[in-house]
PDB file of N, CA and C in Angstrom:
ATOM      1  N   MET A   1       3.608   7.771 -10.631  1.00  0.00           N
ATOM      2  CA  MET A   1       3.617   6.803  -9.552  1.00  0.00           C
ATOM      3  C   MET A   1       4.997   6.164  -9.476  1.00  0.00           C
ATOM      4  N   THR A   2       5.441   5.889  -8.286  1.00  0.00           N
ATOM      5  CA  THR A   2       6.731   5.271  -8.059  1.00  0.00           C
ATOM      6  C   THR A   2       6.689   3.807  -8.474  1.00  0.00           C
ATOM      7  N   ASP A   3       7.710   3.353  -9.200  1.00  0.00           N
ATOM      8  CA  ASP A   3       7.813   1.957  -9.623  1.00  0.00           C
ATOM      9  C   ASP A   3       8.498   1.164  -8.520  1.00  0.00           C
ATOM     10  N   LEU A   4       7.776   0.234  -7.928  1.00  0.00           N
ATOM     11  CA  LEU A   4       8.313  -0.585  -6.845  1.00  0.00           C
ATOM     12  C   LEU A   4       8.516  -2.033  -7.289  1.00  0.00           C
ATOM     13  N   SER A   5       8.578  -2.275  -8.586  1.00  0.00           N
ATOM     14  CA  SER A   5       8.667  -3.644  -9.094  1.00  0.00           C
ATOM     15  C   SER A   5       9.920  -4.369  -8.602  1.00  0.00           C
ATOM     16  N   SER A   6      10.965  -3.624  -8.230  1.00  0.00           N
ATOM     17  CA  SER A   6      12.177  -4.267  -7.712  1.00  0.00           C
ATOM     18  C   SER A   6      11.934  -4.912  -6.344  1.00  0.00           C
ATOM     19  N   LEU A   7      10.880  -4.509  -5.654  1.00  0.00           N
ATOM     20  CA  LEU A   7      10.547  -5.064  -4.337  1.00  0.00           C
ATOM     21  C   LEU A   7       9.600  -6.255  -4.430  1.00  0.00           C
ATOM     22  N   ALA A   8       9.148  -6.574  -5.642  1.00  0.00           N
ATOM     23  CA  ALA A   8       8.133  -7.617  -5.837  1.00  0.00           C
ATOM     24  C   ALA A   8       8.750  -9.010  -5.819  1.00  0.00           C
ATOM     25  N   GLN A   9       9.195  -9.438  -4.653  1.00  0.00           N
ATOM     26  CA  GLN A   9       9.750 -10.775  -4.453  1.00  0.00           C
ATOM     27  C   GLN A   9       8.748 -11.593  -3.636  1.00  0.00           C
ATOM     28  N   PRO A  10       8.473 -12.834  -4.034  1.00  0.00           N
ATOM     29  CA  PRO A  10       7.544 -13.660  -3.247  1.00  0.00           C
ATOM     30  C   PRO A  10       8.002 -13.779  -1.795  1.00  0.00           C
ATOM     31  N   GLY A  11       7.083 -13.573  -0.869  1.00  0.00           N
ATOM     32  CA  GLY A  11       7.385 -13.643   0.550  1.00  0.00           C
ATOM     33  C   GLY A  11       7.890 -12.334   1.133  1.00  0.00           C
ATOM     34  N   ALA A  12       8.003 -11.298   0.314  1.00  0.00           N
ATOM     35  CA  ALA A  12       8.508 -10.007   0.793  1.00  0.00           C
ATOM     36  C   ALA A  12       7.522  -9.377   1.761  1.00  0.00           C
ATOM     37  N   MET A  13       8.047  -8.751   2.803  1.00  0.00           N
ATOM     38  CA  MET A  13       7.239  -8.008   3.761  1.00  0.00           C
ATOM     39  C   MET A  13       7.382  -6.524   3.429  1.00  0.00           C
ATOM     40  N   LEU A  14       6.260  -5.847   3.270  1.00  0.00           N
ATOM     41  CA  LEU A  14       6.257  -4.439   2.885  1.00  0.00           C
ATOM     42  C   LEU A  14       5.577  -3.611   3.959  1.00  0.00           C
ATOM     43  N   ALA A  15       6.334  -2.759   4.612  1.00  0.00           N
ATOM     44  CA  ALA A  15       5.777  -1.846   5.612  1.00  0.00           C
ATOM     45  C   ALA A  15       5.434  -0.541   4.907  1.00  0.00           C
ATOM     46  N   VAL A  16       4.203  -0.086   5.066  1.00  0.00           N
ATOM     47  CA  VAL A  16       3.769   1.146   4.409  1.00  0.00           C
ATOM     48  C   VAL A  16       3.144   2.095   5.424  1.00  0.00           C
ATOM     49  N   ARG A  17       3.196   3.369   5.109  1.00  0.00           N
ATOM     50  CA  ARG A  17       2.552   4.412   5.921  1.00  0.00           C
ATOM     51  C   ARG A  17       1.482   5.030   5.028  1.00  0.00           C
ATOM     52  N   VAL A  18       0.258   5.069   5.500  1.00  0.00           N
ATOM     53  CA  VAL A  18      -0.880   5.524   4.702  1.00  0.00           C
ATOM     54  C   VAL A  18      -1.351   6.898   5.153  1.00  0.00           C
ATOM     55  N   THR A  19      -1.651   7.747   4.178  1.00  0.00           N
ATOM     56  CA  THR A  19      -2.266   9.042   4.450  1.00  0.00           C
ATOM     57  C   THR A  19      -3.631   9.058   3.759  1.00  0.00           C
ATOM     58  N   PRO A  20      -4.719   8.896   4.528  1.00  0.00           N
ATOM     59  CA  PRO A  20      -6.055   8.955   3.930  1.00  0.00           C
ATOM     60  C   PRO A  20      -6.481  10.402   3.696  1.00  0.00           C
ATOM     61  N   ARG A  21      -7.520  10.577   2.919  1.00  0.00           N
ATOM     62  CA  ARG A  21      -8.071  11.900   2.600  1.00  0.00           C
ATOM     63  C   ARG A  21      -7.028  12.826   1.966  1.00  0.00           C
ATOM     64  N   ALA A  22      -6.139  12.275   1.154  1.00  0.00           N
ATOM     65  CA  ALA A  22      -5.137  13.088   0.465  1.00  0.00           C
ATOM     66  C   ALA A  22      -5.775  13.768  -0.738  1.00  0.00           C
ATOM     67  N   SER A  23      -5.067  14.714  -1.316  1.00  0.00           N
ATOM     68  CA  SER A  23      -5.611  15.432  -2.464  1.00  0.00           C
ATOM     69  C   SER A  23      -5.615  14.579  -3.729  1.00  0.00           C
ATOM     70  N   ARG A  24      -4.692  13.594  -3.789  1.00  0.00           N
ATOM     71  CA  ARG A  24      -4.664  12.684  -4.940  1.00  0.00           C
ATOM     72  C   ARG A  24      -4.032  11.362  -4.521  1.00  0.00           C
ATOM     73  N   ASP A  25      -4.341  10.315  -5.293  1.00  0.00           N
ATOM     74  CA  ASP A  25      -3.765   9.000  -5.023  1.00  0.00           C
ATOM     75  C   ASP A  25      -2.342   8.960  -5.560  1.00  0.00           C
ATOM     76  N   ARG A  26      -1.399   8.502  -4.707  1.00  0.00           N
ATOM     77  CA  ARG A  26      -0.018   8.364  -5.169  1.00  0.00           C
ATOM     78  C   ARG A  26       0.766   7.480  -4.221  1.00  0.00           C
ATOM     79  N   VAL A  27       1.851   6.929  -4.755  1.00  0.00           N
ATOM     80  CA  VAL A  27       2.770   6.100  -3.988  1.00  0.00           C
ATOM     81  C   VAL A  27       4.145   6.739  -4.100  1.00  0.00           C
ATOM     82  N   VAL A  28       4.792   6.983  -2.971  1.00  0.00           N
ATOM     83  CA  VAL A  28       6.132   7.577  -2.975  1.00  0.00           C
ATOM     84  C   VAL A  28       7.048   6.765  -2.070  1.00  0.00           C
ATOM     85  N   LEU A  29       8.321   6.798  -2.391  1.00  0.00           N
ATOM     86  CA  LEU A  29       9.337   6.141  -1.585  1.00  0.00           C
ATOM     87  C   LEU A  29      10.195   7.233  -0.974  1.00  0.00           C
ATOM     88  N   GLU A  30      10.029   7.454   0.340  1.00  0.00           N
ATOM     89  CA  GLU A  30      10.751   8.509   1.045  1.00  0.00           C
ATOM     90  C   GLU A  30      11.654   7.893   2.094  1.00  0.00           C
ATOM     91  N   GLU A  31      12.952   8.124   1.958  1.00  0.00           N
ATOM     92  CA  GLU A  31      13.934   7.651   2.937  1.00  0.00           C
ATOM     93  C   GLU A  31      13.782   6.168   3.214  1.00  0.00           C
ATOM     94  N   GLY A  32      13.542   5.389   2.175  1.00  0.00           N
ATOM     95  CA  GLY A  32      13.425   3.946   2.313  1.00  0.00           C
ATOM     96  C   GLY A  32      12.086   3.448   2.801  1.00  0.00           C
ATOM     97  N   GLN A  33      11.135   4.344   3.048  1.00  0.00           N
ATOM     98  CA  GLN A  33       9.806   3.943   3.516  1.00  0.00           C
ATOM     99  C   GLN A  33       8.778   4.205   2.423  1.00  0.00           C
ATOM    100  N   ILE A  34       7.880   3.248   2.234  1.00  0.00           N
ATOM    101  CA  ILE A  34       6.808   3.390   1.253  1.00  0.00           C
ATOM    102  C   ILE A  34       5.687   4.189   1.892  1.00  0.00           C
ATOM    103  N   ARG A  35       5.305   5.288   1.240  1.00  0.00           N
ATOM    104  CA  ARG A  35       4.195   6.121   1.718  1.00  0.00           C
ATOM    105  C   ARG A  35       3.126   6.108   0.628  1.00  0.00           C
ATOM    106  N   ILE A  36       1.891   5.819   1.035  1.00  0.00           N
ATOM    107  CA  ILE A  36       0.774   5.755   0.101  1.00  0.00           C
ATOM    108  C   ILE A  36      -0.260   6.787   0.509  1.00  0.00           C
ATOM    109  N   HIS A  37      -0.604   7.662  -0.423  1.00  0.00           N
ATOM    110  CA  HIS A  37      -1.618   8.697  -0.196  1.00  0.00           C
ATOM    111  C   HIS A  37      -2.865   8.297  -0.984  1.00  0.00           C
ATOM    112  N   VAL A  38      -4.000   8.219  -0.296  1.00  0.00           N
ATOM    113  CA  VAL A  38      -5.261   7.865  -0.939  1.00  0.00           C
ATOM    114  C   VAL A  38      -6.312   8.933  -0.659  1.00  0.00           C
ATOM    115  N   THR A  39      -7.210   9.132  -1.608  1.00  0.00           N
ATOM    116  CA  THR A  39      -8.258  10.133  -1.454  1.00  0.00           C
ATOM    117  C   THR A  39      -9.442   9.604  -0.644  1.00  0.00           C
ATOM    118  N   CYS A  40      -9.506   8.305  -0.457  1.00  0.00           N
ATOM    119  CA  CYS A  40     -10.627   7.690   0.273  1.00  0.00           C
ATOM    120  C   CYS A  40     -10.593   8.034   1.757  1.00  0.00           C
ATOM    121  N   VAL A  41     -11.773   7.946   2.358  1.00  0.00           N
ATOM    122  CA  VAL A  41     -11.882   8.136   3.804  1.00  0.00           C
ATOM    123  C   VAL A  41     -11.668   6.786   4.485  1.00  0.00           C
ATOM    124  N   PRO A  42     -11.105   6.776   5.686  1.00  0.00           N
ATOM    125  CA  PRO A  42     -10.831   5.502   6.364  1.00  0.00           C
ATOM    126  C   PRO A  42     -12.043   4.954   7.108  1.00  0.00           C
ATOM    127  N   GLU A  43     -13.059   4.557   6.353  1.00  0.00           N
ATOM    128  CA  GLU A  43     -14.233   3.950   6.985  1.00  0.00           C
ATOM    129  C   GLU A  43     -14.712   2.786   6.134  1.00  0.00           C
ATOM    130  N   ASP A  44     -15.164   1.738   6.785  1.00  0.00           N
ATOM    131  CA  ASP A  44     -15.656   0.522   6.133  1.00  0.00           C
ATOM    132  C   ASP A  44     -14.627  -0.123   5.214  1.00  0.00           C
ATOM    133  N   GLY A  45     -13.346   0.071   5.469  1.00  0.00           N
ATOM    134  CA  GLY A  45     -12.303  -0.568   4.679  1.00  0.00           C
ATOM    135  C   GLY A  45     -12.051   0.047   3.316  1.00  0.00           C
ATOM    136  N   LYS A  46     -12.665   1.193   3.028  1.00  0.00           N
ATOM    137  CA  LYS A  46     -12.499   1.827   1.720  1.00  0.00           C
ATOM    138  C   LYS A  46     -11.047   2.232   1.470  1.00  0.00           C
ATOM    139  N   ALA A  47     -10.423   2.819   2.461  1.00  0.00           N
ATOM    140  CA  ALA A  47      -9.030   3.255   2.301  1.00  0.00           C
ATOM    141  C   ALA A  47      -8.107   2.046   2.147  1.00  0.00           C
ATOM    142  N   ASN A  48      -8.362   0.975   2.886  1.00  0.00           N
ATOM    143  CA  ASN A  48      -7.531  -0.223   2.766  1.00  0.00           C
ATOM    144  C   ASN A  48      -7.611  -0.812   1.367  1.00  0.00           C
ATOM    145  N   LYS A  49      -8.805  -0.835   0.780  1.00  0.00           N
ATOM    146  CA  LYS A  49      -8.962  -1.354  -0.583  1.00  0.00           C
ATOM    147  C   LYS A  49      -8.200  -0.487  -1.576  1.00  0.00           C
ATOM    148  N   ALA A  50      -8.255   0.824  -1.384  1.00  0.00           N
ATOM    149  CA  ALA A  50      -7.527   1.737  -2.267  1.00  0.00           C
ATOM    150  C   ALA A  50      -6.021   1.554  -2.122  1.00  0.00           C
ATOM    151  N   VAL A  51      -5.564   1.326  -0.890  1.00  0.00           N
ATOM    152  CA  VAL A  51      -4.133   1.107  -0.634  1.00  0.00           C
ATOM    153  C   VAL A  51      -3.668  -0.166  -1.330  1.00  0.00           C
ATOM    154  N   VAL A  52      -4.442  -1.235  -1.221  1.00  0.00           N
ATOM    155  CA  VAL A  52      -4.074  -2.502  -1.866  1.00  0.00           C
ATOM    156  C   VAL A  52      -3.992  -2.313  -3.381  1.00  0.00           C
ATOM    157  N   ALA A  53      -4.971  -1.609  -3.949  1.00  0.00           N
ATOM    158  CA  ALA A  53      -4.974  -1.390  -5.400  1.00  0.00           C
ATOM    159  C   ALA A  53      -3.753  -0.585  -5.844  1.00  0.00           C
ATOM    160  N   LEU A  54      -3.431   0.489  -5.139  1.00  0.00           N
ATOM    161  CA  LEU A  54      -2.282   1.317  -5.507  1.00  0.00           C
ATOM    162  C   LEU A  54      -0.961   0.578  -5.317  1.00  0.00           C
ATOM    163  N   LEU A  55      -0.840  -0.145  -4.216  1.00  0.00           N
ATOM    164  CA  LEU A  55       0.402  -0.876  -3.946  1.00  0.00           C
ATOM    165  C   LEU A  55       0.615  -1.979  -4.982  1.00  0.00           C
ATOM    166  N   ALA A  56      -0.450  -2.696  -5.323  1.00  0.00           N
ATOM    167  CA  ALA A  56      -0.343  -3.752  -6.329  1.00  0.00           C
ATOM    168  C   ALA A  56       0.066  -3.174  -7.688  1.00  0.00           C
ATOM    169  N   LYS A  57      -0.502  -2.035  -8.038  1.00  0.00           N
ATOM    170  CA  LYS A  57      -0.154  -1.398  -9.314  1.00  0.00           C
ATOM    171  C   LYS A  57       1.313  -0.956  -9.319  1.00  0.00           C
ATOM    172  N   ALA A  58       1.772  -0.383  -8.209  1.00  0.00           N
ATOM    173  CA  ALA A  58       3.168   0.074  -8.124  1.00  0.00           C
ATOM    174  C   ALA A  58       4.142  -1.103  -8.173  1.00  0.00           C
ATOM    175  N   LEU A  59       3.730  -2.234  -7.598  1.00  0.00           N
ATOM    176  CA  LEU A  59       4.587  -3.421  -7.600  1.00  0.00           C
ATOM    177  C   LEU A  59       4.491  -4.192  -8.908  1.00  0.00           C
ATOM    178  N   GLY A  60       3.427  -3.974  -9.662  1.00  0.00           N
ATOM    179  CA  GLY A  60       3.218  -4.706 -10.905  1.00  0.00           C
ATOM    180  C   GLY A  60       2.726  -6.123 -10.672  1.00  0.00           C
ATOM    181  N   VAL A  61       1.927  -6.308  -9.616  1.00  0.00           N
ATOM    182  CA  VAL A  61       1.387  -7.629  -9.290  1.00  0.00           C
ATOM    183  C   VAL A  61      -0.129  -7.537  -9.150  1.00  0.00           C
ATOM    184  N   ALA A  62      -0.779  -8.697  -9.061  1.00  0.00           N
ATOM    185  CA  ALA A  62      -2.227  -8.736  -8.857  1.00  0.00           C
ATOM    186  C   ALA A  62      -2.556  -8.377  -7.410  1.00  0.00           C
ATOM    187  N   LYS A  63      -3.718  -7.751  -7.215  1.00  0.00           N
ATOM    188  CA  LYS A  63      -4.150  -7.360  -5.868  1.00  0.00           C
ATOM    189  C   LYS A  63      -4.282  -8.571  -4.944  1.00  0.00           C
ATOM    190  N   THR A  64      -4.643  -9.713  -5.500  1.00  0.00           N
ATOM    191  CA  THR A  64      -4.854 -10.906  -4.688  1.00  0.00           C
ATOM    192  C   THR A  64      -3.559 -11.463  -4.114  1.00  0.00           C
ATOM    193  N   ARG A  65      -2.415 -11.020  -4.611  1.00  0.00           N
ATOM    194  CA  ARG A  65      -1.126 -11.495  -4.086  1.00  0.00           C
ATOM    195  C   ARG A  65      -0.697 -10.749  -2.827  1.00  0.00           C
ATOM    196  N   LEU A  66      -1.408  -9.671  -2.473  1.00  0.00           N
ATOM    197  CA  LEU A  66      -1.071  -8.899  -1.275  1.00  0.00           C
ATOM    198  C   LEU A  66      -1.968  -9.308  -0.116  1.00  0.00           C
ATOM    199  N   THR A  67      -1.349  -9.574   1.024  1.00  0.00           N
ATOM    200  CA  THR A  67      -2.083  -9.941   2.234  1.00  0.00           C
ATOM    201  C   THR A  67      -1.749  -8.933   3.325  1.00  0.00           C
ATOM    202  N   LEU A  68      -2.777  -8.332   3.898  1.00  0.00           N
ATOM    203  CA  LEU A  68      -2.581  -7.395   4.999  1.00  0.00           C
ATOM    204  C   LEU A  68      -2.390  -8.193   6.284  1.00  0.00           C
ATOM    205  N   LEU A  69      -1.196  -8.107   6.853  1.00  0.00           N
ATOM    206  CA  LEU A  69      -0.885  -8.854   8.067  1.00  0.00           C
ATOM    207  C   LEU A  69      -1.194  -8.063   9.326  1.00  0.00           C
ATOM    208  N   ARG A  70      -0.927  -6.770   9.287  1.00  0.00           N
ATOM    209  CA  ARG A  70      -1.065  -5.943  10.486  1.00  0.00           C
ATOM    210  C   ARG A  70      -1.431  -4.518  10.090  1.00  0.00           C
ATOM    211  N   GLY A  71      -2.295  -3.884  10.880  1.00  0.00           N
ATOM    212  CA  GLY A  71      -2.602  -2.478  10.684  1.00  0.00           C
ATOM    213  C   GLY A  71      -3.888  -2.180   9.947  1.00  0.00           C
ATOM    214  N   ALA A  72      -4.893  -3.040  10.070  1.00  0.00           N
ATOM    215  CA  ALA A  72      -6.151  -2.817   9.364  1.00  0.00           C
ATOM    216  C   ALA A  72      -6.799  -1.491   9.762  1.00  0.00           C
ATOM    217  N   THR A  73      -6.592  -1.053  11.007  1.00  0.00           N
ATOM    218  CA  THR A  73      -7.193   0.201  11.463  1.00  0.00           C
ATOM    219  C   THR A  73      -6.134   1.247  11.799  1.00  0.00           C
ATOM    220  N   SER A  74      -4.927   1.031  11.330  1.00  0.00           N
ATOM    221  CA  SER A  74      -3.819   1.931  11.636  1.00  0.00           C
ATOM    222  C   SER A  74      -3.270   2.561  10.359  1.00  0.00           C
ATOM    223  N   ARG A  75      -2.517   3.640  10.494  1.00  0.00           N
ATOM    224  CA  ARG A  75      -1.862   4.250   9.341  1.00  0.00           C
ATOM    225  C   ARG A  75      -0.629   3.458   8.906  1.00  0.00           C
ATOM    226  N   ASP A  76      -0.033   2.747   9.869  1.00  0.00           N
ATOM    227  CA  ASP A  76       1.124   1.909   9.561  1.00  0.00           C
ATOM    228  C   ASP A  76       0.639   0.493   9.310  1.00  0.00           C
ATOM    229  N   LYS A  77       0.938  -0.026   8.122  1.00  0.00           N
ATOM    230  CA  LYS A  77       0.441  -1.339   7.717  1.00  0.00           C
ATOM    231  C   LYS A  77       1.597  -2.232   7.290  1.00  0.00           C
ATOM    232  N   LEU A  78       1.397  -3.525   7.433  1.00  0.00           N
ATOM    233  CA  LEU A  78       2.391  -4.496   7.000  1.00  0.00           C
ATOM    234  C   LEU A  78       1.715  -5.465   6.042  1.00  0.00           C
ATOM    235  N   PHE A  79       2.250  -5.551   4.825  1.00  0.00           N
ATOM    236  CA  PHE A  79       1.724  -6.442   3.801  1.00  0.00           C
ATOM    237  C   PHE A  79       2.745  -7.534   3.504  1.00  0.00           C
ATOM    238  N   ARG A  80       2.244  -8.709   3.119  1.00  0.00           N
ATOM    239  CA  ARG A  80       3.093  -9.790   2.631  1.00  0.00           C
ATOM    240  C   ARG A  80       2.731 -10.027   1.178  1.00  0.00           C
ATOM    241  N   LEU A  81       3.744 -10.188   0.348  1.00  0.00           N
ATOM    242  CA  LEU A  81       3.525 -10.483  -1.068  1.00  0.00           C
ATOM    243  C   LEU A  81       3.637 -11.978  -1.259  1.00  0.00           C
ATOM    244  N   ASP A  82       2.555 -12.618  -1.670  1.00  0.00           N
ATOM    245  CA  ASP A  82       2.541 -14.073  -1.870  1.00  0.00           C
ATOM    246  C   ASP A  82       2.979 -14.421  -3.279  1.00  0.00           C
TER     247      ASP A  82
END
């Protein structure tokens, strides 16, 4: 998994691109963009919960510090780190 702890600044805005139904869970940094691949299906918020868990682990912070600002039903999401 990619270590994103250098981005873990309070108030930081994190734009991510999500790929649901991937073969495995992983976080990659491609060309300056955070891409998160999750095995969950995008229904009933399951994929969003998996994305929050993976992003928090990559950042080295608690899941409760991440707030989804935009993109609850989209592949492109914007998170704020509190």
